[in-house]
Protein backbone atom coordinates (compact mmCIF):
# COMPACT_ATOMS: atom_id res chain seq x y z
CA MET A 1 25.26 -12.25 17.15
CA SER A 2 26.38 -8.60 16.16
CA ASP A 3 26.09 -9.02 12.40
CA VAL A 4 22.73 -7.74 11.49
CA HIS A 5 21.75 -7.95 7.64
CA ASN A 6 19.78 -5.51 5.99
CA PRO A 7 16.19 -6.31 6.27
CA VAL A 8 14.42 -8.14 3.23
CA GLY A 9 11.50 -5.54 2.85
CA HIS A 10 9.11 -2.92 4.00
CA HIS A 11 5.43 -4.01 4.34
CA TYR A 12 3.04 -0.97 4.66
CA ILE A 13 -0.51 -1.65 6.09
CA VAL A 14 -2.90 1.23 5.37
CA GLU A 15 -6.32 2.03 6.25
CA ALA A 16 -7.83 4.96 4.79
CA SER A 17 -11.03 6.42 6.28
CA GLY A 18 -13.15 9.03 4.44
CA CYS A 19 -12.31 8.28 1.03
CA ASP A 20 -14.89 9.25 -1.97
CA PRO A 21 -17.25 6.41 -2.51
CA GLU A 22 -17.66 7.23 -6.04
CA ILE A 23 -13.64 6.76 -6.85
CA ILE A 24 -13.37 3.58 -4.47
CA SER A 25 -15.89 2.17 -6.29
CA ASN A 26 -14.77 2.48 -9.60
CA VAL A 27 -12.76 -0.38 -10.87
CA ALA A 28 -10.50 1.77 -13.36
CA LYS A 29 -10.24 4.61 -11.17
CA VAL A 30 -8.81 2.31 -8.39
CA GLN A 31 -6.66 0.48 -10.85
CA GLN A 32 -5.34 3.55 -12.33
CA ILE A 33 -4.29 4.83 -9.06
CA LEU A 34 -2.49 2.18 -7.50
CA VAL A 35 -1.03 1.35 -11.01
CA LYS A 36 0.64 5.37 -10.69
CA ALA A 37 1.08 4.81 -6.93
CA ALA A 38 3.62 2.47 -7.77
CA GLU A 39 5.05 4.31 -10.38
CA VAL A 40 5.48 7.20 -8.02
CA ALA A 41 7.10 5.19 -5.54
CA GLY A 42 9.73 3.96 -8.22
CA ALA A 43 8.64 0.81 -8.79
CA THR A 44 8.65 -1.53 -11.82
CA VAL A 45 5.26 -2.95 -12.62
CA TRP A 46 5.04 -6.22 -14.26
CA ALA A 47 1.24 -7.07 -13.78
CA VAL A 48 -2.10 -5.79 -12.91
CA SER A 49 -5.31 -7.45 -11.88
CA PHE A 50 -8.48 -5.53 -10.56
CA HIS A 51 -11.91 -7.05 -10.30
CA LYS A 52 -15.12 -5.01 -9.03
CA PHE A 53 -17.52 -7.16 -6.54
CA PRO A 54 -21.25 -6.50 -6.28
CA PRO A 55 -22.49 -4.15 -5.34
CA ASP A 56 -19.46 -1.75 -5.31
CA GLY A 57 -16.16 -2.98 -3.73
CA VAL A 58 -13.06 -3.19 -5.72
CA SER A 59 -9.97 -5.48 -5.40
CA GLY A 60 -7.10 -5.81 -7.03
CA VAL A 61 -3.55 -6.37 -7.34
CA VAL A 62 -0.19 -4.63 -8.78
CA VAL A 63 2.56 -7.08 -8.95
CA ILE A 64 6.12 -5.34 -8.91
CA SER A 65 9.47 -6.36 -9.36
CA GLU A 66 10.15 -5.61 -6.12
CA SER A 67 6.91 -7.48 -5.00
CA HIS A 68 3.23 -6.18 -4.57
CA LEU A 69 0.51 -3.54 -3.97
CA SER A 70 -3.02 -4.73 -3.19
CA ILE A 71 -6.34 -2.52 -2.51
CA HIS A 72 -10.07 -3.71 -1.31
CA THR A 73 -12.69 -1.13 -0.71
CA TRP A 74 -15.76 -0.61 0.64
CA PRO A 75 -17.48 2.28 -0.76
CA GLU A 76 -20.39 1.98 1.73
CA TYR A 77 -17.80 2.85 4.68
CA GLY A 78 -15.76 5.12 2.76
CA TYR A 79 -12.77 2.75 3.50
CA ALA A 80 -10.29 1.51 1.49
CA ALA A 81 -7.49 -1.64 2.53
CA ILE A 82 -4.37 -0.80 0.97
CA ASP A 83 -1.00 -2.72 1.34
CA ILE A 84 2.57 -1.75 -0.22
CA TYR A 85 5.26 -4.42 0.19
CA THR A 86 8.55 -3.64 -1.14
CA CYS A 87 11.86 -5.20 -1.10
CA GLY A 88 15.42 -3.53 -1.89
CA ASN A 89 16.26 -0.09 -1.22
CA HIS A 90 15.77 1.85 -4.38
CA VAL A 91 11.85 2.28 -4.28
CA GLU A 92 9.99 4.77 -2.06
CA PRO A 93 6.71 3.15 -0.71
CA GLU A 94 6.00 6.18 1.15
CA ARG A 95 5.63 8.45 -2.01
CA GLY A 96 3.03 5.67 -3.17
CA ILE A 97 1.09 5.50 0.08
CA GLU A 98 0.78 9.51 -0.26
CA TYR A 99 -0.24 9.43 -3.75
CA ALA A 100 -2.88 6.68 -3.15
CA VAL A 101 -4.42 8.22 0.24
CA GLU A 102 -4.48 11.90 -1.69
CA ALA A 103 -6.05 10.43 -4.75
CA PHE A 104 -8.80 8.39 -2.91
CA LYS A 105 -9.71 11.83 -1.05
CA ALA A 106 -9.14 10.04 2.08
CA SER A 107 -9.87 12.22 5.25
CA SER A 108 -7.21 10.04 7.35
CA SER A 109 -5.19 7.40 7.68
CA HIS A 110 -4.08 4.68 9.88
CA ILE A 111 -0.59 3.13 8.29
CA THR A 112 1.78 0.26 9.86
CA GLU A 113 5.05 -0.06 8.60
CA MET A 114 6.46 -3.57 8.85
CA THR A 115 10.14 -4.02 8.51
CA ARG A 116 10.58 -7.86 7.45
CA GLY A 117 13.30 -10.50 6.82
CA ILE A 118 15.33 -8.96 9.58
CA ASP A 119 18.22 -11.42 10.49
CA GLU A 120 20.87 -11.11 12.78
CA GLY A 121 23.05 -12.97 10.81
CA ASP A 122 21.76 -16.62 11.77
CA ASN A 123 18.86 -17.01 9.07
CA ILE A 124 16.39 -16.70 11.69
CA PHE A 125 13.87 -14.09 10.11
CA PHE A 126 11.76 -11.54 12.03
CA HIS A 127 9.95 -8.72 11.61
CA SER A 128 9.01 -5.36 13.65
CA PHE A 129 6.59 -2.53 13.45
CA VAL A 130 5.60 1.03 13.83
CA THR A 131 2.14 2.56 13.41
CA TRP A 132 1.04 6.33 13.00
CA GLU A 133 -2.23 7.96 12.14
CA GLU A 134 -2.33 11.21 9.69
CA ASP A 135 -5.36 13.55 9.32
CA HIS A 136 -5.58 14.83 5.72
CA GLU A 137 -6.42 18.14 4.75
CA SER A 138 -8.89 18.42 1.85
CA ASP A 139 -8.72 21.15 -0.77
């Protein structure tokens, strides 16, 4: 079929390495950064839930009207696993990712973008993905 519909959403999977352990072990800072990332992306925040796990890890989710942002951190490795899933075309998830990676002071990131809910007009949905790496300069 030649009738291809717009995808339902975009899902970014971010592996942020070399993060500042003091930032990614602080539940209040992680929450503040992820909420701000949603706002920078142009999303509408609906609910926020974060928790610190002993000894240092932080997990949390920001529910947005366009879907969600989530994070799990491992300060002992300087590592943060970030997911941003958005539906619609009015948000800019890439801007939110850039903000979060910079705020966590990551030295590098490995990013996979999945285009989800692709439909060729037959209501059988599939996804496609592209992956890239970025090195980040520290100030």
